[in-house]
Amino acid sequence: MMRRPVDLGDPDRLYTVTGGRSRADDEKFDLVTLVVSECRPSPGMQSEHVRILELCRHPIAVVEISAELRLPITVVRILLSDLLSTGRITARHPRVARSHVDLPDSTLLEEVLHGLRNL
């Protein structure tokens, strides 16, 4: 399999898409943050915002949005920040186990793995 170079897009286009910003107003979006749209796109919206709202009808990770739009993650974070500030999306970080006790028992996980392999 031959690797293709990463296409970062036309710098002028990315500048226009983000309104000249190089980072989001806040850092609420990491790669695995789940995003869900709270409304439908409205007429006159920026095309990238429309596409994000369409993608986010069901929970989707920020990294998946970036891949679908074929835009750098930094640009996607800026666009998501715009939508979050207007209440058009909600963002939720995956739950993190508070301690080792909160994690599932390793024997249970092994049994599930054996069951999946036997399918």
PDB file of N, CA and C in Angstrom:
ATOM      1  N   MET A   1       0.847  -1.176   0.000  1.00  0.00           N
ATOM      2  CA  MET A   1       0.000   0.000   0.000  1.00  0.00           C
ATOM      3  C   MET A   1       0.893   1.241   0.000  1.00  0.00           C
ATOM      4  N   MET A   2       0.640   2.127  -0.926  1.00  0.00           N
ATOM      5  CA  MET A   2       1.453   3.327  -1.033  1.00  0.00           C
ATOM      6  C   MET A   2       0.822   4.459  -0.233  1.00  0.00           C
ATOM      7  N   ARG A   3       1.622   5.139   0.561  1.00  0.00           N
ATOM      8  CA  ARG A   3       1.117   6.246   1.371  1.00  0.00           C
ATOM      9  C   ARG A   3       1.015   7.496   0.520  1.00  0.00           C
ATOM     10  N   ARG A   4      -0.095   8.199   0.690  1.00  0.00           N
ATOM     11  CA  ARG A   4      -0.264   9.472   0.003  1.00  0.00           C
ATOM     12  C   ARG A   4       0.092  10.594   0.961  1.00  0.00           C
ATOM     13  N   PRO A   5       0.626  11.690   0.449  1.00  0.00           N
ATOM     14  CA  PRO A   5       0.916  12.819   1.334  1.00  0.00           C
ATOM     15  C   PRO A   5      -0.374  13.409   1.881  1.00  0.00           C
ATOM     16  N   VAL A   6      -0.300  13.961   3.064  1.00  0.00           N
ATOM     17  CA  VAL A   6      -1.462  14.572   3.689  1.00  0.00           C
ATOM     18  C   VAL A   6      -1.805  15.846   2.947  1.00  0.00           C
ATOM     19  N   ASP A   7      -3.065  15.979   2.546  1.00  0.00           N
ATOM     20  CA  ASP A   7      -3.509  17.185   1.865  1.00  0.00           C
ATOM     21  C   ASP A   7      -4.075  18.130   2.906  1.00  0.00           C
ATOM     22  N   LEU A   8      -3.379  19.221   3.136  1.00  0.00           N
ATOM     23  CA  LEU A   8      -3.834  20.197   4.117  1.00  0.00           C
ATOM     24  C   LEU A   8      -4.756  21.232   3.499  1.00  0.00           C
ATOM     25  N   GLY A   9      -5.069  21.082   2.226  1.00  0.00           N
ATOM     26  CA  GLY A   9      -6.000  21.991   1.578  1.00  0.00           C
ATOM     27  C   GLY A   9      -5.327  23.286   1.165  1.00  0.00           C
ATOM     28  N   ASP A  10      -6.059  24.053   0.430  1.00  0.00           N
ATOM     29  CA  ASP A  10      -5.585  25.353  -0.019  1.00  0.00           C
ATOM     30  C   ASP A  10      -5.575  26.307   1.172  1.00  0.00           C
ATOM     31  N   PRO A  11      -4.414  26.887   1.495  1.00  0.00           N
ATOM     32  CA  PRO A  11      -4.345  27.769   2.671  1.00  0.00           C
ATOM     33  C   PRO A  11      -5.327  28.936   2.599  1.00  0.00           C
ATOM     34  N   ASP A  12      -5.552  29.459   1.401  1.00  0.00           N
ATOM     35  CA  ASP A  12      -6.507  30.568   1.271  1.00  0.00           C
ATOM     36  C   ASP A  12      -7.922  30.126   1.627  1.00  0.00           C
ATOM     37  N   ARG A  13      -8.286  28.917   1.190  1.00  0.00           N
ATOM     38  CA  ARG A  13      -9.617  28.392   1.499  1.00  0.00           C
ATOM     39  C   ARG A  13      -9.777  28.180   3.000  1.00  0.00           C
ATOM     40  N   LEU A  14      -8.755  27.582   3.621  1.00  0.00           N
ATOM     41  CA  LEU A  14      -8.830  27.329   5.063  1.00  0.00           C
ATOM     42  C   LEU A  14      -8.910  28.633   5.841  1.00  0.00           C
ATOM     43  N   TYR A  15      -8.208  29.656   5.387  1.00  0.00           N
ATOM     44  CA  TYR A  15      -8.256  30.978   6.022  1.00  0.00           C
ATOM     45  C   TYR A  15      -9.674  31.539   5.937  1.00  0.00           C
ATOM     46  N   THR A  16     -10.295  31.358   4.781  1.00  0.00           N
ATOM     47  CA  THR A  16     -11.656  31.858   4.584  1.00  0.00           C
ATOM     48  C   THR A  16     -12.662  31.078   5.428  1.00  0.00           C
ATOM     49  N   VAL A  17     -12.517  29.752   5.452  1.00  0.00           N
ATOM     50  CA  VAL A  17     -13.440  28.894   6.202  1.00  0.00           C
ATOM     51  C   VAL A  17     -13.440  29.254   7.688  1.00  0.00           C
ATOM     52  N   THR A  18     -12.275  29.556   8.223  1.00  0.00           N
ATOM     53  CA  THR A  18     -12.159  29.839   9.665  1.00  0.00           C
ATOM     54  C   THR A  18     -12.279  31.320   9.990  1.00  0.00           C
ATOM     55  N   GLY A  19     -12.457  32.151   8.995  1.00  0.00           N
ATOM     56  CA  GLY A  19     -12.536  33.588   9.251  1.00  0.00           C
ATOM     57  C   GLY A  19     -11.202  34.146   9.729  1.00  0.00           C
ATOM     58  N   GLY A  20     -10.114  33.515   9.312  1.00  0.00           N
ATOM     59  CA  GLY A  20      -8.791  33.988   9.681  1.00  0.00           C
ATOM     60  C   GLY A  20      -8.292  33.520  11.030  1.00  0.00           C
ATOM     61  N   ARG A  21      -9.086  32.738  11.729  1.00  0.00           N
ATOM     62  CA  ARG A  21      -8.664  32.257  13.054  1.00  0.00           C
ATOM     63  C   ARG A  21      -7.769  31.034  12.919  1.00  0.00           C
ATOM     64  N   SER A  22      -6.818  30.910  13.828  1.00  0.00           N
ATOM     65  CA  SER A  22      -5.913  29.765  13.785  1.00  0.00           C
ATOM     66  C   SER A  22      -6.174  28.770  14.909  1.00  0.00           C
ATOM     67  N   ARG A  23      -7.027  29.150  15.861  1.00  0.00           N
ATOM     68  CA  ARG A  23      -7.413  28.213  16.920  1.00  0.00           C
ATOM     69  C   ARG A  23      -8.800  28.551  17.439  1.00  0.00           C
ATOM     70  N   ALA A  24      -9.423  27.542  18.030  1.00  0.00           N
ATOM     71  CA  ALA A  24     -10.778  27.707  18.565  1.00  0.00           C
ATOM     72  C   ALA A  24     -10.761  28.623  19.783  1.00  0.00           C
ATOM     73  N   ASP A  25     -11.915  29.225  20.057  1.00  0.00           N
ATOM     74  CA  ASP A  25     -12.032  30.111  21.212  1.00  0.00           C
ATOM     75  C   ASP A  25     -11.799  29.369  22.516  1.00  0.00           C
ATOM     76  N   ASP A  26     -12.173  28.114  22.537  1.00  0.00           N
ATOM     77  CA  ASP A  26     -11.951  27.290  23.726  1.00  0.00           C
ATOM     78  C   ASP A  26     -11.413  25.944  23.268  1.00  0.00           C
ATOM     79  N   GLU A  27     -10.875  25.213  24.179  1.00  0.00           N
ATOM     80  CA  GLU A  27     -10.283  23.911  23.854  1.00  0.00           C
ATOM     81  C   GLU A  27     -11.180  22.783  24.356  1.00  0.00           C
ATOM     82  N   LYS A  28     -12.466  22.838  24.037  1.00  0.00           N
ATOM     83  CA  LYS A  28     -13.404  21.827  24.525  1.00  0.00           C
ATOM     84  C   LYS A  28     -13.395  20.555  23.692  1.00  0.00           C
ATOM     85  N   PHE A  29     -12.767  20.600  22.535  1.00  0.00           N
ATOM     86  CA  PHE A  29     -12.854  19.467  21.622  1.00  0.00           C
ATOM     87  C   PHE A  29     -11.522  18.742  21.492  1.00  0.00           C
ATOM     88  N   ASP A  30     -11.469  17.520  22.059  1.00  0.00           N
ATOM     89  CA  ASP A  30     -10.317  16.684  21.763  1.00  0.00           C
ATOM     90  C   ASP A  30     -10.744  15.712  20.662  1.00  0.00           C
ATOM     91  N   LEU A  31      -9.885  14.818  20.268  1.00  0.00           N
ATOM     92  CA  LEU A  31     -10.172  13.967  19.118  1.00  0.00           C
ATOM     93  C   LEU A  31     -11.361  13.039  19.310  1.00  0.00           C
ATOM     94  N   VAL A  32     -11.619  12.619  20.541  1.00  0.00           N
ATOM     95  CA  VAL A  32     -12.681  11.645  20.784  1.00  0.00           C
ATOM     96  C   VAL A  32     -13.954  12.256  21.359  1.00  0.00           C
ATOM     97  N   THR A  33     -14.017  13.566  21.449  1.00  0.00           N
ATOM     98  CA  THR A  33     -15.238  14.224  21.923  1.00  0.00           C
ATOM     99  C   THR A  33     -16.374  13.877  20.975  1.00  0.00           C
ATOM    100  N   LEU A  34     -17.511  13.473  21.535  1.00  0.00           N
ATOM    101  CA  LEU A  34     -18.679  13.148  20.727  1.00  0.00           C
ATOM    102  C   LEU A  34     -19.522  14.394  20.532  1.00  0.00           C
ATOM    103  N   VAL A  35     -19.955  14.614  19.298  1.00  0.00           N
ATOM    104  CA  VAL A  35     -20.716  15.799  18.945  1.00  0.00           C
ATOM    105  C   VAL A  35     -22.058  15.372  18.385  1.00  0.00           C
ATOM    106  N   VAL A  36     -23.130  16.071  18.790  1.00  0.00           N
ATOM    107  CA  VAL A  36     -24.482  15.804  18.299  1.00  0.00           C
ATOM    108  C   VAL A  36     -25.130  17.128  17.926  1.00  0.00           C
ATOM    109  N   SER A  37     -25.773  17.169  16.767  1.00  0.00           N
ATOM    110  CA  SER A  37     -26.451  18.401  16.359  1.00  0.00           C
ATOM    111  C   SER A  37     -27.762  18.546  17.125  1.00  0.00           C
ATOM    112  N   GLU A  38     -28.102  19.782  17.429  1.00  0.00           N
ATOM    113  CA  GLU A  38     -29.322  20.092  18.171  1.00  0.00           C
ATOM    114  C   GLU A  38     -30.387  20.706  17.282  1.00  0.00           C
ATOM    115  N   CYS A  39     -30.062  20.957  16.016  1.00  0.00           N
ATOM    116  CA  CYS A  39     -31.027  21.559  15.095  1.00  0.00           C
ATOM    117  C   CYS A  39     -30.637  21.203  13.676  1.00  0.00           C
ATOM    118  N   ARG A  40     -31.519  21.574  12.775  1.00  0.00           N
ATOM    119  CA  ARG A  40     -31.235  21.369  11.350  1.00  0.00           C
ATOM    120  C   ARG A  40     -30.509  22.600  10.818  1.00  0.00           C
ATOM    121  N   PRO A  41     -29.797  22.435   9.724  1.00  0.00           N
ATOM    122  CA  PRO A  41     -29.156  23.603   9.117  1.00  0.00           C
ATOM    123  C   PRO A  41     -30.200  24.636   8.688  1.00  0.00           C
ATOM    124  N   SER A  42     -29.834  25.889   8.760  1.00  0.00           N
ATOM    125  CA  SER A  42     -30.744  26.947   8.334  1.00  0.00           C
ATOM    126  C   SER A  42     -30.184  27.622   7.087  1.00  0.00           C
ATOM    127  N   PRO A  43     -31.053  28.239   6.297  1.00  0.00           N
ATOM    128  CA  PRO A  43     -30.597  28.903   5.078  1.00  0.00           C
ATOM    129  C   PRO A  43     -29.557  29.976   5.393  1.00  0.00           C
ATOM    130  N   GLY A  44     -28.560  30.074   4.529  1.00  0.00           N
ATOM    131  CA  GLY A  44     -27.527  31.081   4.687  1.00  0.00           C
ATOM    132  C   GLY A  44     -26.346  30.668   5.535  1.00  0.00           C
ATOM    133  N   MET A  45     -26.386  29.443   6.076  1.00  0.00           N
ATOM    134  CA  MET A  45     -25.263  28.972   6.894  1.00  0.00           C
ATOM    135  C   MET A  45     -24.072  28.641   6.010  1.00  0.00           C
ATOM    136  N   GLN A  46     -22.899  28.759   6.586  1.00  0.00           N
ATOM    137  CA  GLN A  46     -21.666  28.366   5.908  1.00  0.00           C
ATOM    138  C   GLN A  46     -21.762  26.884   5.541  1.00  0.00           C
ATOM    139  N   SER A  47     -21.315  26.515   4.356  1.00  0.00           N
ATOM    140  CA  SER A  47     -21.489  25.143   3.866  1.00  0.00           C
ATOM    141  C   SER A  47     -20.833  24.101   4.774  1.00  0.00           C
ATOM    142  N   GLU A  48     -19.699  24.434   5.374  1.00  0.00           N
ATOM    143  CA  GLU A  48     -19.038  23.491   6.291  1.00  0.00           C
ATOM    144  C   GLU A  48     -19.863  23.284   7.549  1.00  0.00           C
ATOM    145  N   HIS A  49     -20.501  24.335   8.036  1.00  0.00           N
ATOM    146  CA  HIS A  49     -21.384  24.201   9.204  1.00  0.00           C
ATOM    147  C   HIS A  49     -22.576  23.313   8.867  1.00  0.00           C
ATOM    148  N   VAL A  50     -23.128  23.489   7.677  1.00  0.00           N
ATOM    149  CA  VAL A  50     -24.258  22.661   7.238  1.00  0.00           C
ATOM    150  C   VAL A  50     -23.841  21.193   7.217  1.00  0.00           C
ATOM    151  N   ARG A  51     -22.697  20.924   6.647  1.00  0.00           N
ATOM    152  CA  ARG A  51     -22.221  19.537   6.546  1.00  0.00           C
ATOM    153  C   ARG A  51     -21.988  18.930   7.924  1.00  0.00           C
ATOM    154  N   ILE A  52     -21.440  19.715   8.838  1.00  0.00           N
ATOM    155  CA  ILE A  52     -21.224  19.222  10.208  1.00  0.00           C
ATOM    156  C   ILE A  52     -22.551  18.873  10.859  1.00  0.00           C
ATOM    157  N   LEU A  53     -23.542  19.746  10.736  1.00  0.00           N
ATOM    158  CA  LEU A  53     -24.851  19.461  11.340  1.00  0.00           C
ATOM    159  C   LEU A  53     -25.473  18.208  10.740  1.00  0.00           C
ATOM    160  N   GLU A  54     -25.274  17.998   9.452  1.00  0.00           N
ATOM    161  CA  GLU A  54     -25.799  16.787   8.823  1.00  0.00           C
ATOM    162  C   GLU A  54     -25.077  15.542   9.329  1.00  0.00           C
ATOM    163  N   LEU A  55     -23.765  15.631   9.499  1.00  0.00           N
ATOM    164  CA  LEU A  55     -22.984  14.491   9.998  1.00  0.00           C
ATOM    165  C   LEU A  55     -23.324  14.157  11.444  1.00  0.00           C
ATOM    166  N   CYS A  56     -23.691  15.174  12.210  1.00  0.00           N
ATOM    167  CA  CYS A  56     -23.866  15.012  13.656  1.00  0.00           C
ATOM    168  C   CYS A  56     -25.299  14.688  14.068  1.00  0.00           C
ATOM    169  N   ARG A  57     -26.100  14.178  13.154  1.00  0.00           N
ATOM    170  CA  ARG A  57     -27.454  13.765  13.546  1.00  0.00           C
ATOM    171  C   ARG A  57     -27.389  12.678  14.608  1.00  0.00           C
ATOM    172  N   HIS A  58     -26.358  11.859  14.523  1.00  0.00           N
ATOM    173  CA  HIS A  58     -26.070  10.837  15.522  1.00  0.00           C
ATOM    174  C   HIS A  58     -24.698  11.164  16.091  1.00  0.00           C
ATOM    175  N   PRO A  59     -24.427  10.773  17.329  1.00  0.00           N
ATOM    176  CA  PRO A  59     -23.121  11.103  17.932  1.00  0.00           C
ATOM    177  C   PRO A  59     -21.958  10.660  17.041  1.00  0.00           C
ATOM    178  N   ILE A  60     -21.015  11.563  16.876  1.00  0.00           N
ATOM    179  CA  ILE A  60     -19.848  11.294  16.042  1.00  0.00           C
ATOM    180  C   ILE A  60     -18.638  11.986  16.665  1.00  0.00           C
ATOM    181  N   ALA A  61     -17.494  11.350  16.597  1.00  0.00           N
ATOM    182  CA  ALA A  61     -16.265  11.896  17.193  1.00  0.00           C
ATOM    183  C   ALA A  61     -15.687  13.003  16.309  1.00  0.00           C
ATOM    184  N   VAL A  62     -14.998  13.922  16.935  1.00  0.00           N
ATOM    185  CA  VAL A  62     -14.383  15.044  16.229  1.00  0.00           C
ATOM    186  C   VAL A  62     -13.446  14.544  15.129  1.00  0.00           C
ATOM    187  N   VAL A  63     -12.677  13.523  15.408  1.00  0.00           N
ATOM    188  CA  VAL A  63     -11.738  13.001  14.420  1.00  0.00           C
ATOM    189  C   VAL A  63     -12.479  12.440  13.203  1.00  0.00           C
ATOM    190  N   GLU A  64     -13.659  11.870  13.411  1.00  0.00           N
ATOM    191  CA  GLU A  64     -14.447  11.353  12.289  1.00  0.00           C
ATOM    192  C   GLU A  64     -14.997  12.499  11.441  1.00  0.00           C
ATOM    193  N   ILE A  65     -15.402  13.575  12.088  1.00  0.00           N
ATOM    194  CA  ILE A  65     -15.884  14.755  11.351  1.00  0.00           C
ATOM    195  C   ILE A  65     -14.761  15.294  10.475  1.00  0.00           C
ATOM    196  N   SER A  66     -13.576  15.388  11.038  1.00  0.00           N
ATOM    197  CA  SER A  66     -12.419  15.869  10.291  1.00  0.00           C
ATOM    198  C   SER A  66     -12.155  14.994   9.066  1.00  0.00           C
ATOM    199  N   ALA A  67     -12.233  13.692   9.244  1.00  0.00           N
ATOM    200  CA  ALA A  67     -11.997  12.769   8.137  1.00  0.00           C
ATOM    201  C   ALA A  67     -13.074  12.906   7.064  1.00  0.00           C
ATOM    202  N   GLU A  68     -14.327  13.007   7.479  1.00  0.00           N
ATOM    203  CA  GLU A  68     -15.430  13.123   6.514  1.00  0.00           C
ATOM    204  C   GLU A  68     -15.349  14.421   5.713  1.00  0.00           C
ATOM    205  N   LEU A  69     -15.000  15.504   6.383  1.00  0.00           N
ATOM    206  CA  LEU A  69     -14.908  16.800   5.710  1.00  0.00           C
ATOM    207  C   LEU A  69     -13.596  16.976   4.960  1.00  0.00           C
ATOM    208  N   ARG A  70     -12.632  16.102   5.246  1.00  0.00           N
ATOM    209  CA  ARG A  70     -11.292  16.210   4.664  1.00  0.00           C
ATOM    210  C   ARG A  70     -10.676  17.574   4.966  1.00  0.00           C
ATOM    211  N   LEU A  71     -10.837  17.973   6.235  1.00  0.00           N
ATOM    212  CA  LEU A  71     -10.270  19.226   6.726  1.00  0.00           C
ATOM    213  C   LEU A  71      -9.356  18.925   7.908  1.00  0.00           C
ATOM    214  N   PRO A  72      -8.330  19.734   8.105  1.00  0.00           N
ATOM    215  CA  PRO A  72      -7.461  19.541   9.267  1.00  0.00           C
ATOM    216  C   PRO A  72      -8.252  19.656  10.570  1.00  0.00           C
ATOM    217  N   ILE A  73      -7.828  18.922  11.567  1.00  0.00           N
ATOM    218  CA  ILE A  73      -8.528  18.882  12.850  1.00  0.00           C
ATOM    219  C   ILE A  73      -8.640  20.275  13.467  1.00  0.00           C
ATOM    220  N   THR A  74      -7.641  21.115  13.281  1.00  0.00           N
ATOM    221  CA  THR A  74      -7.663  22.471  13.837  1.00  0.00           C
ATOM    222  C   THR A  74      -8.816  23.271  13.249  1.00  0.00           C
ATOM    223  N   VAL A  75      -9.025  23.141  11.963  1.00  0.00           N
ATOM    224  CA  VAL A  75     -10.117  23.858  11.292  1.00  0.00           C
ATOM    225  C   VAL A  75     -11.462  23.344  11.788  1.00  0.00           C
ATOM    226  N   VAL A  76     -11.580  22.031  11.934  1.00  0.00           N
ATOM    227  CA  VAL A  76     -12.833  21.439  12.417  1.00  0.00           C
ATOM    228  C   VAL A  76     -13.137  21.909  13.839  1.00  0.00           C
ATOM    229  N   ARG A  77     -12.133  21.995  14.682  1.00  0.00           N
ATOM    230  CA  ARG A  77     -12.350  22.489  16.053  1.00  0.00           C
ATOM    231  C   ARG A  77     -12.877  23.925  16.044  1.00  0.00           C
ATOM    232  N   ILE A  78     -12.370  24.750  15.157  1.00  0.00           N
ATOM    233  CA  ILE A  78     -12.847  26.136  15.054  1.00  0.00           C
ATOM    234  C   ILE A  78     -14.298  26.160  14.624  1.00  0.00           C
ATOM    235  N   LEU A  79     -14.644  25.359  13.618  1.00  0.00           N
ATOM    236  CA  LEU A  79     -16.029  25.304  13.144  1.00  0.00           C
ATOM    237  C   LEU A  79     -16.966  24.767  14.228  1.00  0.00           C
ATOM    238  N   LEU A  80     -16.526  23.744  14.950  1.00  0.00           N
ATOM    239  CA  LEU A  80     -17.339  23.194  16.035  1.00  0.00           C
ATOM    240  C   LEU A  80     -17.528  24.207  17.155  1.00  0.00           C
ATOM    241  N   SER A  81     -16.512  24.967  17.434  1.00  0.00           N
ATOM    242  CA  SER A  81     -16.602  26.010  18.462  1.00  0.00           C
ATOM    243  C   SER A  81     -17.663  27.040  18.087  1.00  0.00           C
ATOM    244  N   ASP A  82     -17.708  27.397  16.801  1.00  0.00           N
ATOM    245  CA  ASP A  82     -18.748  28.322  16.320  1.00  0.00           C
ATOM    246  C   ASP A  82     -20.143  27.755  16.570  1.00  0.00           C
ATOM    247  N   LEU A  83     -20.323  26.482  16.210  1.00  0.00           N
ATOM    248  CA  LEU A  83     -21.636  25.851  16.366  1.00  0.00           C
ATOM    249  C   LEU A  83     -22.013  25.665  17.830  1.00  0.00           C
ATOM    250  N   LEU A  84     -21.040  25.366  18.667  1.00  0.00           N
ATOM    251  CA  LEU A  84     -21.310  25.193  20.094  1.00  0.00           C
ATOM    252  C   LEU A  84     -21.734  26.516  20.729  1.00  0.00           C
ATOM    253  N   SER A  85     -21.073  27.598  20.345  1.00  0.00           N
ATOM    254  CA  SER A  85     -21.393  28.901  20.940  1.00  0.00           C
ATOM    255  C   SER A  85     -22.789  29.382  20.554  1.00  0.00           C
ATOM    256  N   THR A  86     -23.322  28.903  19.440  1.00  0.00           N
ATOM    257  CA  THR A  86     -24.682  29.278  19.036  1.00  0.00           C
ATOM    258  C   THR A  86     -25.726  28.250  19.461  1.00  0.00           C
ATOM    259  N   GLY A  87     -25.295  27.193  20.158  1.00  0.00           N
ATOM    260  CA  GLY A  87     -26.228  26.184  20.657  1.00  0.00           C
ATOM    261  C   GLY A  87     -26.710  25.213  19.607  1.00  0.00           C
ATOM    262  N   ARG A  88     -26.047  25.149  18.473  1.00  0.00           N
ATOM    263  CA  ARG A  88     -26.478  24.255  17.401  1.00  0.00           C
ATOM    264  C   ARG A  88     -25.986  22.821  17.579  1.00  0.00           C
ATOM    265  N   ILE A  89     -24.972  22.635  18.433  1.00  0.00           N
ATOM    266  CA  ILE A  89     -24.468  21.293  18.740  1.00  0.00           C
ATOM    267  C   ILE A  89     -24.234  21.177  20.236  1.00  0.00           C
ATOM    268  N   THR A  90     -24.160  19.946  20.690  1.00  0.00           N
ATOM    269  CA  THR A  90     -23.693  19.683  22.050  1.00  0.00           C
ATOM    270  C   THR A  90     -22.488  18.765  21.938  1.00  0.00           C
ATOM    271  N   ALA A  91     -21.590  18.887  22.883  1.00  0.00           N
ATOM    272  CA  ALA A  91     -20.376  18.080  22.895  1.00  0.00           C
ATOM    273  C   ALA A  91     -20.298  17.327  24.210  1.00  0.00           C
ATOM    274  N   ARG A  92     -19.869  16.093  24.111  1.00  0.00           N
ATOM    275  CA  ARG A  92     -19.745  15.270  25.307  1.00  0.00           C
ATOM    276  C   ARG A  92     -18.444  14.485  25.229  1.00  0.00           C
ATOM    277  N   HIS A  93     -17.689  14.572  26.296  1.00  0.00           N
ATOM    278  CA  HIS A  93     -16.443  13.817  26.368  1.00  0.00           C
ATOM    279  C   HIS A  93     -16.763  12.408  26.843  1.00  0.00           C
ATOM    280  N   PRO A  94     -16.078  11.414  26.300  1.00  0.00           N
ATOM    281  CA  PRO A  94     -16.293  10.043  26.779  1.00  0.00           C
ATOM    282  C   PRO A  94     -15.975   9.945  28.268  1.00  0.00           C
ATOM    283  N   ARG A  95     -16.714   9.089  28.946  1.00  0.00           N
ATOM    284  CA  ARG A  95     -16.461   8.913  30.380  1.00  0.00           C
ATOM    285  C   ARG A  95     -15.109   8.257  30.589  1.00  0.00           C
ATOM    286  N   VAL A  96     -14.435   8.702  31.597  1.00  0.00           N
ATOM    287  CA  VAL A  96     -13.154   8.128  31.972  1.00  0.00           C
ATOM    288  C   VAL A  96     -13.337   7.446  33.322  1.00  0.00           C
ATOM    289  N   ALA A  97     -12.777   6.249  33.439  1.00  0.00           N
ATOM    290  CA  ALA A  97     -12.872   5.532  34.709  1.00  0.00           C
ATOM    291  C   ALA A  97     -12.140   6.325  35.786  1.00  0.00           C
ATOM    292  N   ARG A  98     -12.777   6.486  36.923  1.00  0.00           N
ATOM    293  CA  ARG A  98     -12.182   7.255  38.012  1.00  0.00           C
ATOM    294  C   ARG A  98     -11.042   6.514  38.693  1.00  0.00           C
ATOM    295  N   SER A  99     -11.161   5.213  38.728  1.00  0.00           N
ATOM    296  CA  SER A  99     -10.105   4.424  39.355  1.00  0.00           C
ATOM    297  C   SER A  99     -10.075   3.039  38.727  1.00  0.00           C
ATOM    298  N   HIS A 100      -9.107   2.269  39.135  1.00  0.00           N
ATOM    299  CA  HIS A 100      -8.973   0.905  38.639  1.00  0.00           C
ATOM    300  C   HIS A 100     -10.205   0.075  39.003  1.00  0.00           C
ATOM    301  N   VAL A 101     -10.854   0.413  40.094  1.00  0.00           N
ATOM    302  CA  VAL A 101     -12.028  -0.322  40.565  1.00  0.00           C
ATOM    303  C   VAL A 101     -13.194  -0.155  39.598  1.00  0.00           C
ATOM    304  N   ASP A 102     -13.289   1.001  38.923  1.00  0.00           N
ATOM    305  CA  ASP A 102     -14.391   1.274  38.005  1.00  0.00           C
ATOM    306  C   ASP A 102     -14.271   0.526  36.679  1.00  0.00           C
ATOM    307  N   LEU A 103     -13.109  -0.048  36.403  1.00  0.00           N
ATOM    308  CA  LEU A 103     -12.902  -0.749  35.140  1.00  0.00           C
ATOM    309  C   LEU A 103     -13.540  -2.133  35.204  1.00  0.00           C
ATOM    310  N   PRO A 104     -13.974  -2.667  34.046  1.00  0.00           N
ATOM    311  CA  PRO A 104     -14.553  -4.020  34.038  1.00  0.00           C
ATOM    312  C   PRO A 104     -13.509  -5.054  34.446  1.00  0.00           C
ATOM    313  N   ASP A 105     -13.988  -6.134  35.009  1.00  0.00           N
ATOM    314  CA  ASP A 105     -13.124  -7.224  35.440  1.00  0.00           C
ATOM    315  C   ASP A 105     -12.447  -7.849  34.217  1.00  0.00           C
ATOM    316  N   SER A 106     -11.157  -8.121  34.312  1.00  0.00           N
ATOM    317  CA  SER A 106     -10.406  -8.645  33.166  1.00  0.00           C
ATOM    318  C   SER A 106     -10.890 -10.037  32.757  1.00  0.00           C
ATOM    319  N   THR A 107     -11.360 -10.833  33.704  1.00  0.00           N
ATOM    320  CA  THR A 107     -11.864 -12.169  33.337  1.00  0.00           C
ATOM    321  C   THR A 107     -13.140 -12.038  32.502  1.00  0.00           C
ATOM    322  N   LEU A 108     -13.973 -11.080  32.833  1.00  0.00           N
ATOM    323  CA  LEU A 108     -15.183 -10.848  32.044  1.00  0.00           C
ATOM    324  C   LEU A 108     -14.806 -10.432  30.623  1.00  0.00           C
ATOM    325  N   LEU A 109     -13.840  -9.550  30.487  1.00  0.00           N
ATOM    326  CA  LEU A 109     -13.402  -9.117  29.165  1.00  0.00           C
ATOM    327  C   LEU A 109     -12.829 -10.274  28.365  1.00  0.00           C
ATOM    328  N   GLU A 110     -12.085 -11.161  29.033  1.00  0.00           N
ATOM    329  CA  GLU A 110     -11.534 -12.332  28.346  1.00  0.00           C
ATOM    330  C   GLU A 110     -12.646 -13.259  27.870  1.00  0.00           C
ATOM    331  N   GLU A 111     -13.689 -13.436  28.681  1.00  0.00           N
ATOM    332  CA  GLU A 111     -14.811 -14.278  28.279  1.00  0.00           C
ATOM    333  C   GLU A 111     -15.530 -13.685  27.085  1.00  0.00           C
ATOM    334  N   VAL A 112     -15.706 -12.382  27.070  1.00  0.00           N
ATOM    335  CA  VAL A 112     -16.348 -11.712  25.930  1.00  0.00           C
ATOM    336  C   VAL A 112     -15.491 -11.900  24.678  1.00  0.00           C
ATOM    337  N   LEU A 113     -14.185 -11.753  24.823  1.00  0.00           N
ATOM    338  CA  LEU A 113     -13.268 -11.938  23.695  1.00  0.00           C
ATOM    339  C   LEU A 113     -13.345 -13.347  23.153  1.00  0.00           C
ATOM    340  N   HIS A 114     -13.373 -14.353  24.035  1.00  0.00           N
ATOM    341  CA  HIS A 114     -13.509 -15.747  23.597  1.00  0.00           C
ATOM    342  C   HIS A 114     -14.837 -15.948  22.865  1.00  0.00           C
ATOM    343  N   GLY A 115     -15.885 -15.365  23.407  1.00  0.00           N
ATOM    344  CA  GLY A 115     -17.191 -15.475  22.759  1.00  0.00           C
ATOM    345  C   GLY A 115     -17.200 -14.859  21.373  1.00  0.00           C
ATOM    346  N   LEU A 116     -16.565 -13.719  21.236  1.00  0.00           N
ATOM    347  CA  LEU A 116     -16.506 -13.049  19.923  1.00  0.00           C
ATOM    348  C   LEU A 116     -15.676 -13.882  18.924  1.00  0.00           C
ATOM    349  N   ARG A 117     -14.626 -14.459  19.409  1.00  0.00           N
ATOM    350  CA  ARG A 117     -13.778 -15.288  18.523  1.00  0.00           C
ATOM    351  C   ARG A 117     -14.521 -16.537  18.069  1.00  0.00           C
ATOM    352  N   ASN A 118     -15.421 -17.044  18.894  1.00  0.00           N
ATOM    353  CA  ASN A 118     -16.165 -18.261  18.554  1.00  0.00           C
ATOM    354  C   ASN A 118     -17.325 -18.016  17.601  1.00  0.00           C
ATOM    355  N   LEU A 119     -17.628 -16.763  17.340  1.00  0.00           N
ATOM    356  CA  LEU A 119     -18.744 -16.472  16.417  1.00  0.00           C
ATOM    357  C   LEU A 119     -18.451 -16.870  15.008  1.00  0.00           C
TER     358      LEU A 119
END
